[in-house]
Amino acid sequence: MLTARDRVRQAEVVMVELQTALRAVGITLPSLCVDPVSCASSVMAPLVELGRCNLDTAQRLADVLAEYAKTAAPGHGAEERQP
């Protein structure tokens, strides 16, 4: 079983991996961080806070995910869902 410190470290590692992956496709989430309130909980795992972003960043993220879905999850892209 992981200690609280181990869980926070794990959340920090995942946060950095997400930040790196997003930056690789030109996206920066300015408020990306480990949620400090969730770190205090002994019941739940620490949460990664994605935070707020402007509309351009949200659109870029949606575009990147939709493009990924075309190849990684055929049938799940936005084009396939439209009537």
C-alpha atoms as a PDB file:
ATOM      1  CA  MET A   1       0.000   0.000   0.000  1.00  0.00           C
ATOM      2  CA  LEU A   2       1.301   3.437  -0.933  1.00  0.00           C
ATOM      3  CA  THR A   3       1.951   6.036   1.716  1.00  0.00           C
ATOM      4  CA  ALA A   4       0.438   9.511   1.409  1.00  0.00           C
ATOM      5  CA  ARG A   5       3.832  10.837   0.326  1.00  0.00           C
ATOM      6  CA  ASP A   6       4.116   8.112  -2.331  1.00  0.00           C
ATOM      7  CA  ARG A   7       0.647   8.935  -3.664  1.00  0.00           C
ATOM      8  CA  VAL A   8       1.514  12.635  -3.929  1.00  0.00           C
ATOM      9  CA  ARG A   9       4.762  11.786  -5.720  1.00  0.00           C
ATOM     10  CA  GLN A  10       2.849   9.532  -8.100  1.00  0.00           C
ATOM     11  CA  ALA A  11       0.374  12.335  -8.824  1.00  0.00           C
ATOM     12  CA  GLU A  12       3.258  14.750  -9.452  1.00  0.00           C
ATOM     13  CA  VAL A  13       4.882  12.314 -11.887  1.00  0.00           C
ATOM     14  CA  VAL A  14       1.620  11.851 -13.787  1.00  0.00           C
ATOM     15  CA  MET A  15       1.070  15.615 -13.853  1.00  0.00           C
ATOM     16  CA  VAL A  16       4.518  16.200 -15.364  1.00  0.00           C
ATOM     17  CA  GLU A  17       3.929  13.434 -17.935  1.00  0.00           C
ATOM     18  CA  LEU A  18       0.623  15.053 -18.920  1.00  0.00           C
ATOM     19  CA  GLN A  19       2.215  18.494 -19.079  1.00  0.00           C
ATOM     20  CA  THR A  20       5.005  17.155 -21.300  1.00  0.00           C
ATOM     21  CA  ALA A  21       2.582  15.351 -23.627  1.00  0.00           C
ATOM     22  CA  LEU A  22       0.384  18.431 -23.950  1.00  0.00           C
ATOM     23  CA  ARG A  23       3.341  20.686 -24.686  1.00  0.00           C
ATOM     24  CA  ALA A  24       4.486  18.252 -27.380  1.00  0.00           C
ATOM     25  CA  VAL A  25       1.291  19.078 -29.291  1.00  0.00           C
ATOM     26  CA  GLY A  26       1.445  22.799 -28.535  1.00  0.00           C
ATOM     27  CA  ILE A  27      -0.913  22.943 -25.570  1.00  0.00           C
ATOM     28  CA  THR A  28      -0.190  24.551 -22.219  1.00  0.00           C
ATOM     29  CA  LEU A  29      -2.695  24.331 -19.390  1.00  0.00           C
ATOM     30  CA  PRO A  30      -1.562  27.214 -17.169  1.00  0.00           C
ATOM     31  CA  SER A  31      -3.284  25.939 -14.022  1.00  0.00           C
ATOM     32  CA  LEU A  32      -2.167  22.293 -14.284  1.00  0.00           C
ATOM     33  CA  CYS A  33      -1.143  21.103 -10.815  1.00  0.00           C
ATOM     34  CA  VAL A  34      -1.675  18.473  -8.142  1.00  0.00           C
ATOM     35  CA  ASP A  35      -4.783  19.415  -6.149  1.00  0.00           C
ATOM     36  CA  PRO A  36      -3.550  20.170  -2.615  1.00  0.00           C
ATOM     37  CA  VAL A  37      -6.933  19.508  -0.975  1.00  0.00           C
ATOM     38  CA  SER A  38      -7.096  15.963  -2.349  1.00  0.00           C
ATOM     39  CA  CYS A  39      -3.593  15.316  -1.013  1.00  0.00           C
ATOM     40  CA  ALA A  40      -4.886  15.810   2.516  1.00  0.00           C
ATOM     41  CA  SER A  41      -7.425  13.007   2.156  1.00  0.00           C
ATOM     42  CA  SER A  42      -6.621   9.630   3.600  1.00  0.00           C
ATOM     43  CA  VAL A  43      -9.503   8.080   1.666  1.00  0.00           C
ATOM     44  CA  MET A  44      -9.030   9.161  -1.928  1.00  0.00           C
ATOM     45  CA  ALA A  45      -5.996   9.403  -4.153  1.00  0.00           C
ATOM     46  CA  PRO A  46      -4.527  12.815  -4.984  1.00  0.00           C
ATOM     47  CA  LEU A  47      -6.138  14.476  -7.983  1.00  0.00           C
ATOM     48  CA  VAL A  48      -4.484  16.269 -10.868  1.00  0.00           C
ATOM     49  CA  GLU A  49      -6.172  19.634 -11.336  1.00  0.00           C
ATOM     50  CA  LEU A  50      -6.402  20.507 -15.027  1.00  0.00           C
ATOM     51  CA  GLY A  51      -7.514  24.017 -14.186  1.00  0.00           C
ATOM     52  CA  ARG A  52      -8.903  26.706 -16.375  1.00  0.00           C
ATOM     53  CA  CYS A  53      -7.812  27.670 -19.874  1.00  0.00           C
ATOM     54  CA  ASN A  54      -8.858  30.105 -22.560  1.00  0.00           C
ATOM     55  CA  LEU A  55     -11.067  29.177 -25.502  1.00  0.00           C
ATOM     56  CA  ASP A  56      -8.161  28.862 -27.922  1.00  0.00           C
ATOM     57  CA  THR A  57      -6.445  26.331 -25.656  1.00  0.00           C
ATOM     58  CA  ALA A  58      -9.692  24.404 -25.131  1.00  0.00           C
ATOM     59  CA  GLN A  59     -10.264  24.287 -28.896  1.00  0.00           C
ATOM     60  CA  ARG A  60      -6.689  23.114 -29.526  1.00  0.00           C
ATOM     61  CA  LEU A  61      -7.113  20.362 -26.939  1.00  0.00           C
ATOM     62  CA  ALA A  62     -10.412  19.282 -28.518  1.00  0.00           C
ATOM     63  CA  ASP A  63      -8.800  19.253 -31.969  1.00  0.00           C
ATOM     64  CA  VAL A  64      -5.842  17.164 -30.826  1.00  0.00           C
ATOM     65  CA  LEU A  65      -8.086  14.646 -29.065  1.00  0.00           C
ATOM     66  CA  ALA A  66     -10.444  14.405 -32.043  1.00  0.00           C
ATOM     67  CA  GLU A  67      -7.508  13.824 -34.400  1.00  0.00           C
ATOM     68  CA  TYR A  68      -6.113  11.158 -32.075  1.00  0.00           C
ATOM     69  CA  ALA A  69      -9.510   9.460 -31.856  1.00  0.00           C
ATOM     70  CA  LYS A  70      -9.594   9.033 -35.632  1.00  0.00           C
ATOM     71  CA  THR A  71      -6.613   6.688 -35.534  1.00  0.00           C
ATOM     72  CA  ALA A  72      -6.590   5.281 -32.024  1.00  0.00           C
ATOM     73  CA  ALA A  73     -10.314   4.726 -31.591  1.00  0.00           C
ATOM     74  CA  PRO A  74     -11.956   4.407 -35.011  1.00  0.00           C
ATOM     75  CA  GLY A  75     -15.632   5.285 -34.862  1.00  0.00           C
ATOM     76  CA  HIS A  76     -15.140   7.658 -31.942  1.00  0.00           C
ATOM     77  CA  GLY A  77     -14.168  10.839 -33.781  1.00  0.00           C
ATOM     78  CA  ALA A  78     -16.491  13.851 -33.979  1.00  0.00           C
ATOM     79  CA  GLU A  79     -17.184  13.211 -37.692  1.00  0.00           C
ATOM     80  CA  GLU A  80     -18.481   9.711 -37.000  1.00  0.00           C
ATOM     81  CA  ARG A  81     -20.975  10.938 -34.369  1.00  0.00           C
ATOM     82  CA  GLN A  82     -22.652  13.559 -36.532  1.00  0.00           C
ATOM     83  CA  PRO A  83     -25.887  12.504 -38.344  1.00  0.00           C
END
